C-alpha cells in the first residue's frame, strides 16, 4: 500500500494481521545549522498509541495540544504485535527510544514525516 497521507498510514496499520502500535515523535524544525538545504529536527515529545485509538490527524494534534509543547513536524512509525496481541509496553518504549536516537542522529529513513497540517514531507524536507 502506498502511504501518501496520514489516513493511509492509519488504514495500513488496521489492515495488518497483528495489532499495531503507532509511534509518534513530535519535533521542532529549524534551518539546517550548516546553512544547507533541509531542516534540523529536535524532538520535544513522543507517544505510542494503539492503531484503533487514533481516529485521524486532527485528533492526534488535539491530544498533542494538551501537552502545550510547540512542534512543527511529527514523525511516525509502527510496531507490530504478534500472535494477535499488541506489542508489550517495554517494546514500545524501546522502539520510541530508538526513534528518538535516530532523530537526534539525523536519520529519518524509517519514519514518515508530517507537517502540522498533516501533509507528508519528503525525508530531505524533514
PDB file of N, CA and C in Angstrom:
ATOM      1  N   UNK A   1       0.845  -1.183   0.000  1.00  0.00           N
ATOM      2  CA  UNK A   1       0.000   0.000   0.000  1.00  0.00           C
ATOM      3  C   UNK A   1       0.885   1.239   0.000  1.00  0.00           C
ATOM      4  N   UNK A   2       0.570   2.174  -0.867  1.00  0.00           N
ATOM      5  CA  UNK A   2       1.293   3.437  -0.920  1.00  0.00           C
ATOM      6  C   UNK A   2       0.755   4.342   0.187  1.00  0.00           C
ATOM      7  N   UNK A   3       1.631   4.810   1.037  1.00  0.00           N
ATOM      8  CA  UNK A   3       1.212   5.687   2.134  1.00  0.00           C
ATOM      9  C   UNK A   3       1.514   7.120   1.728  1.00  0.00           C
ATOM     10  N   UNK A   4       0.463   7.781   1.219  1.00  0.00           N
ATOM     11  CA  UNK A   4       0.615   9.139   0.717  1.00  0.00           C
ATOM     12  C   UNK A   4       0.160  10.186   1.716  1.00  0.00           C
ATOM     13  N   UNK A   5      -0.553   9.754   2.765  1.00  0.00           N
ATOM     14  CA  UNK A   5      -1.025  10.711   3.764  1.00  0.00           C
ATOM     15  C   UNK A   5      -1.282   9.983   5.080  1.00  0.00           C
ATOM     16  N   UNK A   6      -1.665  10.734   6.079  1.00  0.00           N
ATOM     17  CA  UNK A   6      -1.856  10.185   7.419  1.00  0.00           C
ATOM     18  C   UNK A   6      -2.963   9.134   7.448  1.00  0.00           C
ATOM     19  N   UNK A   7      -4.052   9.378   6.717  1.00  0.00           N
ATOM     20  CA  UNK A   7      -5.143   8.408   6.676  1.00  0.00           C
ATOM     21  C   UNK A   7      -4.681   7.077   6.091  1.00  0.00           C
ATOM     22  N   UNK A   8      -3.783   7.117   5.091  1.00  0.00           N
ATOM     23  CA  UNK A   8      -3.225   5.881   4.533  1.00  0.00           C
ATOM     24  C   UNK A   8      -2.435   5.123   5.590  1.00  0.00           C
ATOM     25  N   UNK A   9      -1.698   5.839   6.417  1.00  0.00           N
ATOM     26  CA  UNK A   9      -0.937   5.203   7.492  1.00  0.00           C
ATOM     27  C   UNK A   9      -1.885   4.470   8.446  1.00  0.00           C
ATOM     28  N   UNK A  10      -2.952   5.140   8.842  1.00  0.00           N
ATOM     29  CA  UNK A  10      -3.923   4.517   9.748  1.00  0.00           C
ATOM     30  C   UNK A  10      -4.570   3.291   9.106  1.00  0.00           C
ATOM     31  N   UNK A  11      -4.950   3.414   7.841  1.00  0.00           N
ATOM     32  CA  UNK A  11      -5.588   2.293   7.143  1.00  0.00           C
ATOM     33  C   UNK A  11      -4.631   1.110   7.033  1.00  0.00           C
ATOM     34  N   UNK A  12      -3.378   1.384   6.703  1.00  0.00           N
ATOM     35  CA  UNK A  12      -2.389   0.306   6.577  1.00  0.00           C
ATOM     36  C   UNK A  12      -2.184  -0.400   7.908  1.00  0.00           C
ATOM     37  N   UNK A  13      -2.147   0.361   8.999  1.00  0.00           N
ATOM     38  CA  UNK A  13      -1.969  -0.245  10.326  1.00  0.00           C
ATOM     39  C   UNK A  13      -3.137  -1.163  10.661  1.00  0.00           C
ATOM     40  N   UNK A  14      -4.342  -0.724  10.356  1.00  0.00           N
ATOM     41  CA  UNK A  14      -5.527  -1.518  10.684  1.00  0.00           C
ATOM     42  C   UNK A  14      -5.663  -2.766   9.816  1.00  0.00           C
ATOM     43  N   UNK A  15      -5.022  -2.789   8.656  1.00  0.00           N
ATOM     44  CA  UNK A  15      -5.086  -3.945   7.756  1.00  0.00           C
ATOM     45  C   UNK A  15      -4.104  -5.053   8.127  1.00  0.00           C
ATOM     46  N   UNK A  16      -3.187  -4.775   9.023  1.00  0.00           N
ATOM     47  CA  UNK A  16      -2.171  -5.764   9.378  1.00  0.00           C
ATOM     48  C   UNK A  16      -2.786  -6.919  10.157  1.00  0.00           C
ATOM     49  N   UNK A  17      -2.219  -8.123  10.019  1.00  0.00           N
ATOM     50  CA  UNK A  17      -2.788  -9.276  10.709  1.00  0.00           C
ATOM     51  C   UNK A  17      -2.656  -9.212  12.237  1.00  0.00           C
ATOM     52  N   UNK A  18      -1.666  -8.489  12.738  1.00  0.00           N
ATOM     53  CA  UNK A  18      -1.480  -8.331  14.178  1.00  0.00           C
ATOM     54  C   UNK A  18      -1.699  -6.871  14.563  1.00  0.00           C
ATOM     55  N   UNK A  19      -2.151  -6.630  15.789  1.00  0.00           N
ATOM     56  CA  UNK A  19      -2.343  -5.244  16.232  1.00  0.00           C
ATOM     57  C   UNK A  19      -1.046  -4.441  16.094  1.00  0.00           C
ATOM     58  N   UNK A  20      -1.206  -3.192  15.734  1.00  0.00           N
ATOM     59  CA  UNK A  20      -0.075  -2.289  15.554  1.00  0.00           C
ATOM     60  C   UNK A  20      -0.109  -1.207  16.621  1.00  0.00           C
ATOM     61  N   UNK A  21       1.062  -0.802  17.045  1.00  0.00           N
ATOM     62  CA  UNK A  21       1.191   0.360  17.914  1.00  0.00           C
ATOM     63  C   UNK A  21       1.786   1.456  17.045  1.00  0.00           C
ATOM     64  N   UNK A  22       1.133   2.606  17.001  1.00  0.00           N
ATOM     65  CA  UNK A  22       1.637   3.744  16.241  1.00  0.00           C
ATOM     66  C   UNK A  22       2.568   4.539  17.141  1.00  0.00           C
ATOM     67  N   UNK A  23       3.727   4.871  16.619  1.00  0.00           N
ATOM     68  CA  UNK A  23       4.754   5.578  17.383  1.00  0.00           C
ATOM     69  C   UNK A  23       4.931   6.965  16.779  1.00  0.00           C
ATOM     70  N   UNK A  24       4.899   7.986  17.606  1.00  0.00           N
ATOM     71  CA  UNK A  24       4.999   9.365  17.129  1.00  0.00           C
ATOM     72  C   UNK A  24       6.067  10.125  17.907  1.00  0.00           C
ATOM     73  N   UNK A  25       6.882  10.867  17.168  1.00  0.00           N
ATOM     74  CA  UNK A  25       7.854  11.785  17.757  1.00  0.00           C
ATOM     75  C   UNK A  25       7.546  13.168  17.199  1.00  0.00           C
ATOM     76  N   UNK A  26       7.188  14.078  18.079  1.00  0.00           N
ATOM     77  CA  UNK A  26       6.883  15.459  17.700  1.00  0.00           C
ATOM     78  C   UNK A  26       8.171  16.272  17.826  1.00  0.00           C
ATOM     79  N   UNK A  27       8.450  17.068  16.781  1.00  0.00           N
ATOM     80  CA  UNK A  27       9.727  17.796  16.723  1.00  0.00           C
ATOM     81  C   UNK A  27       9.528  19.263  16.353  1.00  0.00           C
ATOM     82  N   UNK A  28      10.452  20.089  16.819  1.00  0.00           N
ATOM     83  CA  UNK A  28      10.568  21.439  16.283  1.00  0.00           C
ATOM     84  C   UNK A  28      11.483  21.352  15.068  1.00  0.00           C
ATOM     85  N   UNK A  29      11.303  22.281  14.151  1.00  0.00           N
ATOM     86  CA  UNK A  29      12.118  22.299  12.928  1.00  0.00           C
ATOM     87  C   UNK A  29      12.793  23.655  12.806  1.00  0.00           C
ATOM     88  N   UNK A  30      14.090  23.611  12.630  1.00  0.00           N
ATOM     89  CA  UNK A  30      14.887  24.820  12.443  1.00  0.00           C
ATOM     90  C   UNK A  30      15.711  24.663  11.182  1.00  0.00           C
ATOM     91  N   UNK A  31      16.139  25.777  10.578  1.00  0.00           N
ATOM     92  CA  UNK A  31      17.004  25.660   9.407  1.00  0.00           C
ATOM     93  C   UNK A  31      18.245  24.836   9.746  1.00  0.00           C
ATOM     94  N   UNK A  32      18.739  24.120   8.756  1.00  0.00           N
ATOM     95  CA  UNK A  32      19.943  23.301   8.958  1.00  0.00           C
ATOM     96  C   UNK A  32      21.056  24.176   9.509  1.00  0.00           C
ATOM     97  N   UNK A  33      21.774  23.697  10.541  1.00  0.00           N
ATOM     98  CA  UNK A  33      22.799  24.527  11.182  1.00  0.00           C
ATOM     99  C   UNK A  33      23.960  24.889  10.260  1.00  0.00           C
ATOM    100  N   UNK A  34      24.204  24.085   9.247  1.00  0.00           N
ATOM    101  CA  UNK A  34      25.314  24.368   8.340  1.00  0.00           C
ATOM    102  C   UNK A  34      24.905  25.283   7.193  1.00  0.00           C
ATOM    103  N   UNK A  35      23.659  25.781   7.228  1.00  0.00           N
ATOM    104  CA  UNK A  35      23.178  26.665   6.179  1.00  0.00           C
ATOM    105  C   UNK A  35      22.739  25.915   4.936  1.00  0.00           C
ATOM    106  N   UNK A  36      22.777  24.594   4.984  1.00  0.00           N
ATOM    107  CA  UNK A  36      22.388  23.791   3.829  1.00  0.00           C
ATOM    108  C   UNK A  36      20.881  23.691   3.694  1.00  0.00           C
ATOM    109  N   UNK A  37      20.462  22.906   2.721  1.00  0.00           N
ATOM    110  CA  UNK A  37      19.038  22.686   2.496  1.00  0.00           C
ATOM    111  C   UNK A  37      18.481  21.787   3.594  1.00  0.00           C
ATOM    112  N   UNK A  38      17.181  21.834   3.771  1.00  0.00           N
ATOM    113  CA  UNK A  38      16.533  20.956   4.736  1.00  0.00           C
ATOM    114  C   UNK A  38      16.388  21.606   6.094  1.00  0.00           C
ATOM    115  N   UNK A  39      15.943  20.788   7.030  1.00  0.00           N
ATOM    116  CA  UNK A  39      15.663  21.262   8.375  1.00  0.00           C
ATOM    117  C   UNK A  39      16.400  20.423   9.398  1.00  0.00           C
ATOM    118  N   UNK A  40      16.645  21.016  10.532  1.00  0.00           N
ATOM    119  CA  UNK A  40      17.198  20.300  11.674  1.00  0.00           C
ATOM    120  C   UNK A  40      16.036  20.063  12.637  1.00  0.00           C
ATOM    121  N   UNK A  41      15.769  18.787  12.944  1.00  0.00           N
ATOM    122  CA  UNK A  41      14.657  18.453  13.823  1.00  0.00           C
ATOM    123  C   UNK A  41      15.146  18.157  15.227  1.00  0.00           C
ATOM    124  N   UNK A  42      14.397  18.655  16.210  1.00  0.00           N
ATOM    125  CA  UNK A  42      14.693  18.397  17.621  1.00  0.00           C
ATOM    126  C   UNK A  42      13.435  17.844  18.279  1.00  0.00           C
ATOM    127  N   UNK A  43      13.506  16.642  18.847  1.00  0.00           N
ATOM    128  CA  UNK A  43      12.324  16.061  19.487  1.00  0.00           C
ATOM    129  C   UNK A  43      11.889  16.870  20.705  1.00  0.00           C
ATOM    130  N   UNK A  44      10.571  17.024  20.861  1.00  0.00           N
ATOM    131  CA  UNK A  44      10.036  17.696  22.038  1.00  0.00           C
ATOM    132  C   UNK A  44       9.111  16.787  22.848  1.00  0.00           C
ATOM    133  N   UNK A  45       8.527  15.783  22.204  1.00  0.00           N
ATOM    134  CA  UNK A  45       7.710  14.807  22.928  1.00  0.00           C
ATOM    135  C   UNK A  45       7.467  13.600  22.030  1.00  0.00           C
ATOM    136  N   UNK A  46       7.113  12.492  22.665  1.00  0.00           N
ATOM    137  CA  UNK A  46       6.817  11.286  21.903  1.00  0.00           C
ATOM    138  C   UNK A  46       5.700  10.524  22.596  1.00  0.00           C
ATOM    139  N   UNK A  47       5.023   9.678  21.814  1.00  0.00           N
ATOM    140  CA  UNK A  47       3.911   8.898  22.355  1.00  0.00           C
ATOM    141  C   UNK A  47       3.694   7.681  21.477  1.00  0.00           C
ATOM    142  N   UNK A  48       3.179   6.624  22.097  1.00  0.00           N
ATOM    143  CA  UNK A  48       2.720   5.473  21.325  1.00  0.00           C
ATOM    144  C   UNK A  48       1.230   5.317  21.570  1.00  0.00           C
ATOM    145  N   UNK A  49       0.515   4.903  20.521  1.00  0.00           N
ATOM    146  CA  UNK A  49      -0.931   4.749  20.599  1.00  0.00           C
ATOM    147  C   UNK A  49      -1.334   3.499  19.829  1.00  0.00           C
ATOM    148  N   UNK A  50      -2.301   2.781  20.352  1.00  0.00           N
ATOM    149  CA  UNK A  50      -2.830   1.622  19.645  1.00  0.00           C
ATOM    150  C   UNK A  50      -3.472   2.073  18.338  1.00  0.00           C
ATOM    151  N   UNK A  51      -3.337   1.244  17.300  1.00  0.00           N
ATOM    152  CA  UNK A  51      -3.870   1.610  15.987  1.00  0.00           C
ATOM    153  C   UNK A  51      -5.347   1.996  16.037  1.00  0.00           C
ATOM    154  N   UNK A  52      -6.120   1.303  16.812  1.00  0.00           N
ATOM    155  CA  UNK A  52      -7.562   1.566  16.893  1.00  0.00           C
ATOM    156  C   UNK A  52      -7.885   2.840  17.690  1.00  0.00           C
ATOM    157  N   UNK A  53      -6.911   3.396  18.395  1.00  0.00           N
ATOM    158  CA  UNK A  53      -7.147   4.584  19.221  1.00  0.00           C
ATOM    159  C   UNK A  53      -6.864   5.897  18.510  1.00  0.00           C
ATOM    160  N   UNK A  54      -6.380   5.836  17.280  1.00  0.00           N
ATOM    161  CA  UNK A  54      -6.100   7.064  16.520  1.00  0.00           C
ATOM    162  C   UNK A  54      -7.150   7.171  15.419  1.00  0.00           C
ATOM    163  N   UNK A  55      -8.000   8.174  15.525  1.00  0.00           N
ATOM    164  CA  UNK A  55      -9.089   8.352  14.561  1.00  0.00           C
ATOM    165  C   UNK A  55      -8.686   9.224  13.377  1.00  0.00           C
ATOM    166  N   UNK A  56      -7.639  10.020  13.533  1.00  0.00           N
ATOM    167  CA  UNK A  56      -7.219  10.898  12.451  1.00  0.00           C
ATOM    168  C   UNK A  56      -6.177  11.888  12.931  1.00  0.00           C
ATOM    169  N   UNK A  57      -5.670  12.666  11.990  1.00  0.00           N
ATOM    170  CA  UNK A  57      -4.613  13.619  12.302  1.00  0.00           C
ATOM    171  C   UNK A  57      -5.111  14.721  13.238  1.00  0.00           C
ATOM    172  N   UNK A  58      -6.336  15.177  13.032  1.00  0.00           N
ATOM    173  CA  UNK A  58      -6.873  16.244  13.887  1.00  0.00           C
ATOM    174  C   UNK A  58      -6.931  15.794  15.342  1.00  0.00           C
ATOM    175  N   UNK A  59      -7.342  14.555  15.572  1.00  0.00           N
ATOM    176  CA  UNK A  59      -7.399  14.027  16.943  1.00  0.00           C
ATOM    177  C   UNK A  59      -6.000  13.975  17.547  1.00  0.00           C
ATOM    178  N   UNK A  60      -5.023  13.499  16.776  1.00  0.00           N
ATOM    179  CA  UNK A  60      -3.644  13.424  17.263  1.00  0.00           C
ATOM    180  C   UNK A  60      -3.141  14.817  17.647  1.00  0.00           C
ATOM    181  N   UNK A  61      -3.419  15.797  16.797  1.00  0.00           N
ATOM    182  CA  UNK A  61      -2.988  17.178  17.077  1.00  0.00           C
ATOM    183  C   UNK A  61      -3.681  17.734  18.316  1.00  0.00           C
ATOM    184  N   UNK A  62      -4.961  17.445  18.472  1.00  0.00           N
ATOM    185  CA  UNK A  62      -5.702  17.926  19.647  1.00  0.00           C
ATOM    186  C   UNK A  62      -5.122  17.336  20.930  1.00  0.00           C
ATOM    187  N   UNK A  63      -4.769  16.049  20.893  1.00  0.00           N
ATOM    188  CA  UNK A  63      -4.174  15.427  22.075  1.00  0.00           C
ATOM    189  C   UNK A  63      -2.786  15.996  22.351  1.00  0.00           C
ATOM    190  N   UNK A  64      -2.035  16.283  21.289  1.00  0.00           N
ATOM    191  CA  UNK A  64      -0.701  16.868  21.463  1.00  0.00           C
ATOM    192  C   UNK A  64      -0.800  18.280  22.036  1.00  0.00           C
ATOM    193  N   UNK A  65      -1.848  19.007  21.665  1.00  0.00           N
ATOM    194  CA  UNK A  65      -2.012  20.385  22.147  1.00  0.00           C
ATOM    195  C   UNK A  65      -2.166  20.440  23.665  1.00  0.00           C
ATOM    196  N   UNK A  66      -2.712  19.391  24.242  1.00  0.00           N
ATOM    197  CA  UNK A  66      -2.881  19.341  25.697  1.00  0.00           C
ATOM    198  C   UNK A  66      -1.519  19.407  26.395  1.00  0.00           C
ATOM    199  N   UNK A  67      -0.496  18.916  25.735  1.00  0.00           N
ATOM    200  CA  UNK A  67       0.849  18.914  26.329  1.00  0.00           C
ATOM    201  C   UNK A  67       1.484  20.302  26.301  1.00  0.00           C
ATOM    202  N   UNK A  68       0.900  21.228  25.540  1.00  0.00           N
ATOM    203  CA  UNK A  68       1.362  22.613  25.487  1.00  0.00           C
ATOM    204  C   UNK A  68       2.834  22.732  25.089  1.00  0.00           C
ATOM    205  N   UNK A  69       3.255  21.921  24.128  1.00  0.00           N
ATOM    206  CA  UNK A  69       4.626  21.994  23.606  1.00  0.00           C
ATOM    207  C   UNK A  69       4.550  22.334  22.120  1.00  0.00           C
ATOM    208  N   UNK A  70       5.328  23.321  21.709  1.00  0.00           N
ATOM    209  CA  UNK A  70       5.346  23.690  20.292  1.00  0.00           C
ATOM    210  C   UNK A  70       6.018  22.586  19.487  1.00  0.00           C
ATOM    211  N   UNK A  71       5.439  22.255  18.337  1.00  0.00           N
ATOM    212  CA  UNK A  71       6.049  21.302  17.414  1.00  0.00           C
ATOM    213  C   UNK A  71       5.729  21.725  15.986  1.00  0.00           C
ATOM    214  N   UNK A  72       6.595  21.326  15.056  1.00  0.00           N
ATOM    215  CA  UNK A  72       6.434  21.657  13.642  1.00  0.00           C
ATOM    216  C   UNK A  72       6.222  20.426  12.768  1.00  0.00           C
ATOM    217  N   UNK A  73       6.832  19.320  13.167  1.00  0.00           N
ATOM    218  CA  UNK A  73       6.816  18.085  12.372  1.00  0.00           C
ATOM    219  C   UNK A  73       6.557  16.921  13.313  1.00  0.00           C
ATOM    220  N   UNK A  74       5.729  15.967  12.875  1.00  0.00           N
ATOM    221  CA  UNK A  74       5.567  14.730  13.632  1.00  0.00           C
ATOM    222  C   UNK A  74       6.076  13.588  12.757  1.00  0.00           C
ATOM    223  N   UNK A  75       6.930  12.774  13.358  1.00  0.00           N
ATOM    224  CA  UNK A  75       7.463  11.591  12.684  1.00  0.00           C
ATOM    225  C   UNK A  75       6.685  10.388  13.185  1.00  0.00           C
ATOM    226  N   UNK A  76       6.343   9.494  12.268  1.00  0.00           N
ATOM    227  CA  UNK A  76       5.512   8.348  12.618  1.00  0.00           C
ATOM    228  C   UNK A  76       6.150   7.047  12.155  1.00  0.00           C
ATOM    229  N   UNK A  77       5.910   6.022  12.942  1.00  0.00           N
ATOM    230  CA  UNK A  77       6.334   4.668  12.602  1.00  0.00           C
ATOM    231  C   UNK A  77       5.335   3.718  13.259  1.00  0.00           C
ATOM    232  N   UNK A  78       5.482   2.442  13.001  1.00  0.00           N
ATOM    233  CA  UNK A  78       4.604   1.450  13.615  1.00  0.00           C
ATOM    234  C   UNK A  78       5.433   0.329  14.212  1.00  0.00           C
ATOM    235  N   UNK A  79       4.827  -0.348  15.162  1.00  0.00           N
ATOM    236  CA  UNK A  79       5.435  -1.517  15.788  1.00  0.00           C
ATOM    237  C   UNK A  79       4.364  -2.598  15.818  1.00  0.00           C
ATOM    238  N   UNK A  80       4.686  -3.740  15.257  1.00  0.00           N
ATOM    239  CA  UNK A  80       3.723  -4.823  15.145  1.00  0.00           C
ATOM    240  C   UNK A  80       3.729  -5.716  16.375  1.00  0.00           C
ATOM    241  N   UNK A  81       2.538  -6.136  16.763  1.00  0.00           N
ATOM    242  CA  UNK A  81       2.418  -7.141  17.798  1.00  0.00           C
ATOM    243  C   UNK A  81       2.634  -8.522  17.187  1.00  0.00           C
ATOM    244  N   UNK A  82       2.362  -9.560  17.953  1.00  0.00           N
ATOM    245  CA  UNK A  82       2.486 -10.921  17.425  1.00  0.00           C
ATOM    246  C   UNK A  82       1.470 -11.820  18.110  1.00  0.00           C
ATOM    247  N   UNK A  83       1.105 -12.882  17.422  1.00  0.00           N
ATOM    248  CA  UNK A  83       0.151 -13.826  17.982  1.00  0.00           C
ATOM    249  C   UNK A  83      -1.190 -13.200  18.311  1.00  0.00           C
ATOM    250  N   UNK A  84      -1.575 -12.170  17.560  1.00  0.00           N
ATOM    251  CA  UNK A  84      -2.842 -11.497  17.807  1.00  0.00           C
ATOM    252  C   UNK A  84      -2.822 -10.529  18.964  1.00  0.00           C
ATOM    253  N   UNK A  85      -1.666 -10.371  19.600  1.00  0.00           N
ATOM    254  CA  UNK A  85      -1.528  -9.463  20.746  1.00  0.00           C
ATOM    255  C   UNK A  85      -0.748  -8.212  20.336  1.00  0.00           C
ATOM    256  N   UNK A  86      -1.064  -7.072  20.927  1.00  0.00           N
ATOM    257  CA  UNK A  86      -0.297  -5.858  20.626  1.00  0.00           C
ATOM    258  C   UNK A  86       1.102  -5.954  21.211  1.00  0.00           C
ATOM    259  N   UNK A  87       1.997  -5.089  20.759  1.00  0.00           N
ATOM    260  CA  UNK A  87       3.334  -5.065  21.356  1.00  0.00           C
ATOM    261  C   UNK A  87       3.250  -4.752  22.853  1.00  0.00           C
ATOM    262  N   UNK A  88       4.194  -5.291  23.606  1.00  0.00           N
ATOM    263  CA  UNK A  88       4.238  -5.027  25.042  1.00  0.00           C
ATOM    264  C   UNK A  88       4.736  -3.591  25.295  1.00  0.00           C
ATOM    265  N   UNK A  89       4.348  -2.991  26.415  1.00  0.00           N
ATOM    266  CA  UNK A  89       4.774  -1.619  26.707  1.00  0.00           C
ATOM    267  C   UNK A  89       6.291  -1.428  26.636  1.00  0.00           C
ATOM    268  N   UNK A  90       7.062  -2.397  27.133  1.00  0.00           N
ATOM    269  CA  UNK A  90       8.523  -2.237  27.095  1.00  0.00           C
ATOM    270  C   UNK A  90       9.050  -2.264  25.659  1.00  0.00           C
ATOM    271  N   UNK A  91       8.370  -2.974  24.762  1.00  0.00           N
ATOM    272  CA  UNK A  91       8.769  -2.963  23.351  1.00  0.00           C
ATOM    273  C   UNK A  91       8.507  -1.585  22.751  1.00  0.00           C
ATOM    274  N   UNK A  92       7.375  -0.990  23.105  1.00  0.00           N
ATOM    275  CA  UNK A  92       7.044   0.348  22.609  1.00  0.00           C
ATOM    276  C   UNK A  92       8.042   1.380  23.128  1.00  0.00           C
ATOM    277  N   UNK A  93       8.365   1.292  24.420  1.00  0.00           N
ATOM    278  CA  UNK A  93       9.341   2.226  24.996  1.00  0.00           C
ATOM    279  C   UNK A  93      10.684   2.114  24.293  1.00  0.00           C
ATOM    280  N   UNK A  94      11.118   0.893  24.050  1.00  0.00           N
ATOM    281  CA  UNK A  94      12.392   0.675  23.374  1.00  0.00           C
ATOM    282  C   UNK A  94      12.358   1.224  21.953  1.00  0.00           C
ATOM    283  N   UNK A  95      11.257   0.992  21.240  1.00  0.00           N
ATOM    284  CA  UNK A  95      11.129   1.490  19.868  1.00  0.00           C
ATOM    285  C   UNK A  95      11.121   3.019  19.846  1.00  0.00           C
ATOM    286  N   UNK A  96      10.439   3.641  20.799  1.00  0.00           N
ATOM    287  CA  UNK A  96      10.446   5.106  20.863  1.00  0.00           C
ATOM    288  C   UNK A  96      11.841   5.643  21.168  1.00  0.00           C
ATOM    289  N   UNK A  97      12.574   4.982  22.051  1.00  0.00           N
ATOM    290  CA  UNK A  97      13.958   5.414  22.338  1.00  0.00           C
ATOM    291  C   UNK A  97      14.819   5.321  21.078  1.00  0.00           C
ATOM    292  N   UNK A  98      14.627   4.261  20.283  1.00  0.00           N
ATOM    293  CA  UNK A  98      15.387   4.127  19.029  1.00  0.00           C
ATOM    294  C   UNK A  98      15.003   5.241  18.045  1.00  0.00           C
ATOM    295  N   UNK A  99      13.712   5.552  17.986  1.00  0.00           N
ATOM    296  CA  UNK A  99      13.274   6.645  17.111  1.00  0.00           C
ATOM    297  C   UNK A  99      13.905   7.964  17.539  1.00  0.00           C
ATOM    298  N   UNK A 100      13.888   8.243  18.850  1.00  0.00           N
ATOM    299  CA  UNK A 100      14.484   9.481  19.347  1.00  0.00           C
ATOM    300  C   UNK A 100      15.963   9.552  19.011  1.00  0.00           C
ATOM    301  N   UNK A 101      16.675   8.444  19.185  1.00  0.00           N
ATOM    302  CA  UNK A 101      18.108   8.413  18.851  1.00  0.00           C
ATOM    303  C   UNK A 101      18.311   8.644  17.356  1.00  0.00           C
ATOM    304  N   UNK A 102      17.451   8.076  16.535  1.00  0.00           N
ATOM    305  CA  UNK A 102      17.559   8.274  15.083  1.00  0.00           C
ATOM    306  C   UNK A 102      17.342   9.733  14.713  1.00  0.00           C
ATOM    307  N   UNK A 103      16.333  10.343  15.326  1.00  0.00           N
ATOM    308  CA  UNK A 103      16.059  11.762  15.040  1.00  0.00           C
ATOM    309  C   UNK A 103      17.258  12.609  15.453  1.00  0.00           C
ATOM    310  N   UNK A 104      17.774  12.361  16.634  1.00  0.00           N
ATOM    311  CA  UNK A 104      18.929  13.138  17.107  1.00  0.00           C
ATOM    312  C   UNK A 104      20.145  12.920  16.214  1.00  0.00           C
ATOM    313  N   UNK A 105      20.225  11.752  15.595  1.00  0.00           N
ATOM    314  CA  UNK A 105      21.319  11.449  14.671  1.00  0.00           C
ATOM    315  C   UNK A 105      21.055  11.886  13.242  1.00  0.00           C
ATOM    316  N   UNK A 106      19.872  12.456  12.999  1.00  0.00           N
ATOM    317  CA  UNK A 106      19.551  12.946  11.663  1.00  0.00           C
ATOM    318  C   UNK A 106      19.105  11.870  10.686  1.00  0.00           C
ATOM    319  N   UNK A 107      18.700  10.711  11.189  1.00  0.00           N
ATOM    320  CA  UNK A 107      18.273   9.611  10.324  1.00  0.00           C
ATOM    321  C   UNK A 107      16.764   9.436  10.438  1.00  0.00           C
ATOM    322  N   UNK A 108      16.040   9.794   9.363  1.00  0.00           N
ATOM    323  CA  UNK A 108      14.580   9.714   9.370  1.00  0.00           C
ATOM    324  C   UNK A 108      14.063   8.689   8.363  1.00  0.00           C
ATOM    325  N   UNK A 109      14.943   7.875   7.804  1.00  0.00           N
ATOM    326  CA  UNK A 109      14.579   6.992   6.701  1.00  0.00           C
ATOM    327  C   UNK A 109      13.479   6.001   7.031  1.00  0.00           C
ATOM    328  N   UNK A 110      13.377   5.550   8.254  1.00  0.00           N
ATOM    329  CA  UNK A 110      12.371   4.536   8.593  1.00  0.00           C
ATOM    330  C   UNK A 110      11.085   5.151   9.142  1.00  0.00           C
ATOM    331  N   UNK A 111      10.937   6.470   9.004  1.00  0.00           N
ATOM    332  CA  UNK A 111       9.775   7.155   9.557  1.00  0.00           C
ATOM    333  C   UNK A 111       9.081   7.987   8.489  1.00  0.00           C
ATOM    334  N   UNK A 112       7.798   8.177   8.683  1.00  0.00           N
ATOM    335  CA  UNK A 112       7.033   9.090   7.846  1.00  0.00           C
ATOM    336  C   UNK A 112       6.974  10.425   8.566  1.00  0.00           C
ATOM    337  N   UNK A 113       7.076  11.510   7.821  1.00  0.00           N
ATOM    338  CA  UNK A 113       7.047  12.849   8.415  1.00  0.00           C
ATOM    339  C   UNK A 113       5.825  13.607   7.907  1.00  0.00           C
ATOM    340  N   UNK A 114       5.176  14.311   8.829  1.00  0.00           N
ATOM    341  CA  UNK A 114       4.001  15.117   8.503  1.00  0.00           C
ATOM    342  C   UNK A 114       4.157  16.497   9.127  1.00  0.00           C
ATOM    343  N   UNK A 115       3.718  17.537   8.385  1.00  0.00           N
ATOM    344  CA  UNK A 115       3.739  18.881   8.963  1.00  0.00           C
ATOM    345  C   UNK A 115       2.485  19.063   9.820  1.00  0.00           C
ATOM    346  N   UNK A 116       2.316  20.236  10.393  1.00  0.00           N
ATOM    347  CA  UNK A 116       1.196  20.479  11.313  1.00  0.00           C
ATOM    348  C   UNK A 116      -0.169  20.386  10.643  1.00  0.00           C
ATOM    349  N   UNK A 117      -0.199  20.507   9.321  1.00  0.00           N
ATOM    350  CA  UNK A 117      -1.453  20.380   8.583  1.00  0.00           C
ATOM    351  C   UNK A 117      -1.717  18.932   8.162  1.00  0.00           C
ATOM    352  N   UNK A 118      -0.801  18.025   8.511  1.00  0.00           N
ATOM    353  CA  UNK A 118      -0.966  16.621   8.146  1.00  0.00           C
ATOM    354  C   UNK A 118      -0.441  16.279   6.777  1.00  0.00           C
ATOM    355  N   UNK A 119       0.228  17.238   6.130  1.00  0.00           N
ATOM    356  CA  UNK A 119       0.801  16.972   4.805  1.00  0.00           C
ATOM    357  C   UNK A 119       2.088  16.183   4.962  1.00  0.00           C
ATOM    358  N   UNK A 120       2.275  15.150   4.140  1.00  0.00           N
ATOM    359  CA  UNK A 120       3.520  14.378   4.222  1.00  0.00           C
ATOM    360  C   UNK A 120       4.706  15.218   3.737  1.00  0.00           C
ATOM    361  N   UNK A 121       5.835  15.002   4.365  1.00  0.00           N
ATOM    362  CA  UNK A 121       7.069  15.688   3.992  1.00  0.00           C
ATOM    363  C   UNK A 121       8.053  14.646   3.475  1.00  0.00           C
ATOM    364  N   UNK A 122       8.793  14.995   2.456  1.00  0.00           N
ATOM    365  CA  UNK A 122       9.853  14.109   1.972  1.00  0.00           C
ATOM    366  C   UNK A 122      10.979  14.114   2.982  1.00  0.00           C
ATOM    367  N   UNK A 123      11.743  13.010   3.035  1.00  0.00           N
ATOM    368  CA  UNK A 123      12.829  12.876   4.021  1.00  0.00           C
ATOM    369  C   UNK A 123      13.797  14.049   3.954  1.00  0.00           C
ATOM    370  N   UNK A 124      14.081  14.552   2.753  1.00  0.00           N
ATOM    371  CA  UNK A 124      15.032  15.653   2.660  1.00  0.00           C
ATOM    372  C   UNK A 124      14.441  16.950   3.184  1.00  0.00           C
ATOM    373  N   UNK A 125      13.102  17.026   3.342  1.00  0.00           N
ATOM    374  CA  UNK A 125      12.456  18.223   3.875  1.00  0.00           C
ATOM    375  C   UNK A 125      12.220  18.122   5.373  1.00  0.00           C
ATOM    376  N   UNK A 126      12.363  16.920   5.909  1.00  0.00           N
ATOM    377  CA  UNK A 126      12.071  16.721   7.329  1.00  0.00           C
ATOM    378  C   UNK A 126      13.293  16.971   8.163  1.00  0.00           C
TER     379      UNK A 126
END
